[in-house]
Amino acid sequence: MFLRQKAEGRRQEAGGRRQEAEGRRQEVGGRRQKAEGRRQEAGGRRQS
C-alpha cells in the first residue's frame, strides 16, 4: 500500500514538472511575440 502511494506521488510530481515546463515554454513564446511586436513598431516608425 505504501509503495503504491509513493508511486502515485512520483507520478503527480512528474505531471507537475511537465506543467511547469509547459508554462515556461508559453512564457518564452510570449516574450518572442513581444519582441516581434517591438520590431514591427520600430519598422513603422522608420516608414513614417
PDB file of N, CA and C in Angstrom:
ATOM      1  N   MET A   1       0.840  -1.207   0.000  1.00  0.00           N
ATOM      2  CA  MET A   1       0.000   0.000   0.000  1.00  0.00           C
ATOM      3  C   MET A   1       0.873   1.254   0.000  1.00  0.00           C
ATOM      4  N   PHE A   2       1.856   1.257   0.878  1.00  0.00           N
ATOM      5  CA  PHE A   2       2.730   2.428   0.979  1.00  0.00           C
ATOM      6  C   PHE A   2       3.484   2.659  -0.330  1.00  0.00           C
ATOM      7  N   LEU A   3       3.941   1.563  -0.935  1.00  0.00           N
ATOM      8  CA  LEU A   3       4.685   1.679  -2.193  1.00  0.00           C
ATOM      9  C   LEU A   3       3.804   2.268  -3.287  1.00  0.00           C
ATOM     10  N   ARG A   4       2.523   1.878  -3.292  1.00  0.00           N
ATOM     11  CA  ARG A   4       1.614   2.388  -4.311  1.00  0.00           C
ATOM     12  C   ARG A   4       1.441   3.901  -4.143  1.00  0.00           C
ATOM     13  N   GLN A   5       1.303   4.343  -2.904  1.00  0.00           N
ATOM     14  CA  GLN A   5       1.169   5.783  -2.645  1.00  0.00           C
ATOM     15  C   GLN A   5       2.412   6.527  -3.111  1.00  0.00           C
ATOM     16  N   LYS A   6       3.555   5.923  -2.867  1.00  0.00           N
ATOM     17  CA  LYS A   6       4.830   6.527  -3.244  1.00  0.00           C
ATOM     18  C   LYS A   6       4.897   6.695  -4.770  1.00  0.00           C
ATOM     19  N   ALA A   7       4.478   5.642  -5.487  1.00  0.00           N
ATOM     20  CA  ALA A   7       4.489   5.673  -6.952  1.00  0.00           C
ATOM     21  C   ALA A   7       3.519   6.745  -7.454  1.00  0.00           C
ATOM     22  N   GLU A   8       2.357   6.834  -6.814  1.00  0.00           N
ATOM     23  CA  GLU A   8       1.356   7.835  -7.197  1.00  0.00           C
ATOM     24  C   GLU A   8       1.909   9.240  -6.978  1.00  0.00           C
ATOM     25  N   GLY A   9       2.602   9.420  -5.875  1.00  0.00           N
ATOM     26  CA  GLY A   9       3.215  10.717  -5.580  1.00  0.00           C
ATOM     27  C   GLY A   9       4.233  11.102  -6.632  1.00  0.00           C
ATOM     28  N   ARG A  10       5.016  10.139  -7.061  1.00  0.00           N
ATOM     29  CA  ARG A  10       6.022  10.409  -8.099  1.00  0.00           C
ATOM     30  C   ARG A  10       5.352  10.796  -9.401  1.00  0.00           C
ATOM     31  N   ARG A  11       4.243  10.110  -9.715  1.00  0.00           N
ATOM     32  CA  ARG A  11       3.534  10.386 -10.964  1.00  0.00           C
ATOM     33  C   ARG A  11       2.994  11.818 -10.954  1.00  0.00           C
ATOM     34  N   GLN A  12       2.409  12.220  -9.843  1.00  0.00           N
ATOM     35  CA  GLN A  12       1.881  13.579  -9.723  1.00  0.00           C
ATOM     36  C   GLN A  12       3.007  14.598  -9.816  1.00  0.00           C
ATOM     37  N   GLU A  13       4.138  14.269  -9.212  1.00  0.00           N
ATOM     38  CA  GLU A  13       5.293  15.161  -9.226  1.00  0.00           C
ATOM     39  C   GLU A  13       5.773  15.361 -10.667  1.00  0.00           C
ATOM     40  N   ALA A  14       5.825  14.255 -11.416  1.00  0.00           N
ATOM     41  CA  ALA A  14       6.246  14.322 -12.822  1.00  0.00           C
ATOM     42  C   ALA A  14       5.247  15.160 -13.617  1.00  0.00           C
ATOM     43  N   GLY A  15       3.954  14.998 -13.327  1.00  0.00           N
ATOM     44  CA  GLY A  15       2.929  15.788 -14.003  1.00  0.00           C
ATOM     45  C   GLY A  15       3.096  17.263 -13.703  1.00  0.00           C
ATOM     46  N   GLY A  16       3.406  17.573 -12.462  1.00  0.00           N
ATOM     47  CA  GLY A  16       3.624  18.966 -12.061  1.00  0.00           C
ATOM     48  C   GLY A  16       4.813  19.571 -12.780  1.00  0.00           C
ATOM     49  N   ARG A  17       5.867  18.786 -12.912  1.00  0.00           N
ATOM     50  CA  ARG A  17       7.059  19.272 -13.618  1.00  0.00           C
ATOM     51  C   ARG A  17       6.736  19.539 -15.072  1.00  0.00           C
ATOM     52  N   ARG A  18       5.901  18.663 -15.659  1.00  0.00           N
ATOM     53  CA  ARG A  18       5.540  18.809 -17.067  1.00  0.00           C
ATOM     54  C   ARG A  18       4.762  20.114 -17.266  1.00  0.00           C
ATOM     55  N   GLN A  19       3.816  20.391 -16.365  1.00  0.00           N
ATOM     56  CA  GLN A  19       3.039  21.630 -16.455  1.00  0.00           C
ATOM     57  C   GLN A  19       3.945  22.842 -16.306  1.00  0.00           C
ATOM     58  N   GLU A  20       4.910  22.736 -15.397  1.00  0.00           N
ATOM     59  CA  GLU A  20       5.850  23.827 -15.150  1.00  0.00           C
ATOM     60  C   GLU A  20       6.653  24.112 -16.423  1.00  0.00           C
ATOM     61  N   ALA A  21       7.108  23.037 -17.071  1.00  0.00           N
ATOM     62  CA  ALA A  21       7.878  23.181 -18.310  1.00  0.00           C
ATOM     63  C   ALA A  21       7.005  23.808 -19.393  1.00  0.00           C
ATOM     64  N   GLU A  22       5.739  23.387 -19.451  1.00  0.00           N
ATOM     65  CA  GLU A  22       4.802  23.933 -20.439  1.00  0.00           C
ATOM     66  C   GLU A  22       4.594  25.423 -20.182  1.00  0.00           C
ATOM     67  N   GLY A  23       4.480  25.791 -18.915  1.00  0.00           N
ATOM     68  CA  GLY A  23       4.318  27.199 -18.555  1.00  0.00           C
ATOM     69  C   GLY A  23       5.516  28.025 -18.983  1.00  0.00           C
ATOM     70  N   ARG A  24       6.705  27.485 -18.777  1.00  0.00           N
ATOM     71  CA  ARG A  24       7.923  28.198 -19.185  1.00  0.00           C
ATOM     72  C   ARG A  24       7.962  28.378 -20.688  1.00  0.00           C
ATOM     73  N   ARG A  25       7.533  27.328 -21.416  1.00  0.00           N
ATOM     74  CA  ARG A  25       7.548  27.379 -22.875  1.00  0.00           C
ATOM     75  C   ARG A  25       6.605  28.482 -23.364  1.00  0.00           C
ATOM     76  N   GLN A  26       5.412  28.561 -22.765  1.00  0.00           N
ATOM     77  CA  GLN A  26       4.450  29.600 -23.145  1.00  0.00           C
ATOM     78  C   GLN A  26       5.007  30.980 -22.828  1.00  0.00           C
ATOM     79  N   GLU A  27       5.695  31.087 -21.690  1.00  0.00           N
ATOM     80  CA  GLU A  27       6.283  32.358 -21.273  1.00  0.00           C
ATOM     81  C   GLU A  27       7.311  32.820 -22.312  1.00  0.00           C
ATOM     82  N   VAL A  28       8.144  31.893 -22.756  1.00  0.00           N
ATOM     83  CA  VAL A  28       9.156  32.204 -23.767  1.00  0.00           C
ATOM     84  C   VAL A  28       8.465  32.608 -25.068  1.00  0.00           C
ATOM     85  N   GLY A  29       7.386  31.902 -25.420  1.00  0.00           N
ATOM     86  CA  GLY A  29       6.632  32.243 -26.623  1.00  0.00           C
ATOM     87  C   GLY A  29       6.069  33.647 -26.526  1.00  0.00           C
ATOM     88  N   GLY A  30       5.577  34.012 -25.353  1.00  0.00           N
ATOM     89  CA  GLY A  30       5.047  35.359 -25.137  1.00  0.00           C
ATOM     90  C   GLY A  30       6.127  36.413 -25.292  1.00  0.00           C
ATOM     91  N   ARG A  31       7.305  36.132 -24.772  1.00  0.00           N
ATOM     92  CA  ARG A  31       8.420  37.074 -24.897  1.00  0.00           C
ATOM     93  C   ARG A  31       8.788  37.257 -26.358  1.00  0.00           C
ATOM     94  N   ARG A  32       8.749  36.149 -27.115  1.00  0.00           N
ATOM     95  CA  ARG A  32       9.101  36.206 -28.531  1.00  0.00           C
ATOM     96  C   ARG A  32       8.100  37.093 -29.278  1.00  0.00           C
ATOM     97  N   GLN A  33       6.807  36.937 -28.977  1.00  0.00           N
ATOM     98  CA  GLN A  33       5.780  37.761 -29.622  1.00  0.00           C
ATOM     99  C   GLN A  33       5.974  39.229 -29.275  1.00  0.00           C
ATOM    100  N   LYS A  34       6.323  39.494 -28.035  1.00  0.00           N
ATOM    101  CA  LYS A  34       6.538  40.864 -27.581  1.00  0.00           C
ATOM    102  C   LYS A  34       7.690  41.496 -28.360  1.00  0.00           C
ATOM    103  N   ALA A  35       8.767  40.731 -28.519  1.00  0.00           N
ATOM    104  CA  ALA A  35       9.934  41.221 -29.254  1.00  0.00           C
ATOM    105  C   ALA A  35       9.554  41.476 -30.709  1.00  0.00           C
ATOM    106  N   GLU A  36       8.750  40.589 -31.278  1.00  0.00           N
ATOM    107  CA  GLU A  36       8.298  40.736 -32.666  1.00  0.00           C
ATOM    108  C   GLU A  36       7.464  42.011 -32.797  1.00  0.00           C
ATOM    109  N   GLY A  37       6.617  42.274 -31.807  1.00  0.00           N
ATOM    110  CA  GLY A  37       5.805  43.493 -31.809  1.00  0.00           C
ATOM    111  C   GLY A  37       6.675  44.737 -31.771  1.00  0.00           C
ATOM    112  N   ARG A  38       7.707  44.723 -30.958  1.00  0.00           N
ATOM    113  CA  ARG A  38       8.614  45.872 -30.868  1.00  0.00           C
ATOM    114  C   ARG A  38       9.323  46.095 -32.193  1.00  0.00           C
ATOM    115  N   ARG A  39       9.706  44.996 -32.837  1.00  0.00           N
ATOM    116  CA  ARG A  39      10.414  45.090 -34.111  1.00  0.00           C
ATOM    117  C   ARG A  39       9.508  45.737 -35.166  1.00  0.00           C
ATOM    118  N   GLN A  40       8.247  45.313 -35.215  1.00  0.00           N
ATOM    119  CA  GLN A  40       7.294  45.885 -36.172  1.00  0.00           C
ATOM    120  C   GLN A  40       7.061  47.360 -35.872  1.00  0.00           C
ATOM    121  N   GLU A  41       6.980  47.682 -34.580  1.00  0.00           N
ATOM    122  CA  GLU A  41       6.771  49.064 -34.153  1.00  0.00           C
ATOM    123  C   GLU A  41       7.933  49.933 -34.650  1.00  0.00           C
ATOM    124  N   ALA A  42       9.142  49.440 -34.491  1.00  0.00           N
ATOM    125  CA  ALA A  42      10.330  50.173 -34.934  1.00  0.00           C
ATOM    126  C   ALA A  42      10.292  50.346 -36.450  1.00  0.00           C
ATOM    127  N   GLY A  43       9.859  49.306 -37.160  1.00  0.00           N
ATOM    128  CA  GLY A  43       9.753  49.389 -38.616  1.00  0.00           C
ATOM    129  C   GLY A  43       8.734  50.435 -39.026  1.00  0.00           C
ATOM    130  N   GLY A  44       7.631  50.527 -38.289  1.00  0.00           N
ATOM    131  CA  GLY A  44       6.594  51.523 -38.574  1.00  0.00           C
ATOM    132  C   GLY A  44       7.117  52.932 -38.374  1.00  0.00           C
ATOM    133  N   ARG A  45       7.902  53.134 -37.348  1.00  0.00           N
ATOM    134  CA  ARG A  45       8.464  54.463 -37.078  1.00  0.00           C
ATOM    135  C   ARG A  45       9.403  54.870 -38.211  1.00  0.00           C
ATOM    136  N   ARG A  46      10.145  53.893 -38.719  1.00  0.00           N
ATOM    137  CA  ARG A  46      11.110  54.166 -39.779  1.00  0.00           C
ATOM    138  C   ARG A  46      10.381  54.645 -41.044  1.00  0.00           C
ATOM    139  N   GLN A  47       9.244  54.022 -41.356  1.00  0.00           N
ATOM    140  CA  GLN A  47       8.484  54.377 -42.562  1.00  0.00           C
ATOM    141  C   GLN A  47       7.877  55.772 -42.461  1.00  0.00           C
ATOM    142  N   SER A  48       7.344  56.116 -41.295  1.00  0.00           N
ATOM    143  CA  SER A  48       6.639  57.395 -41.159  1.00  0.00           C
ATOM    144  C   SER A  48       7.573  58.594 -41.201  1.00  0.00           C
TER     145      SER A  48
END
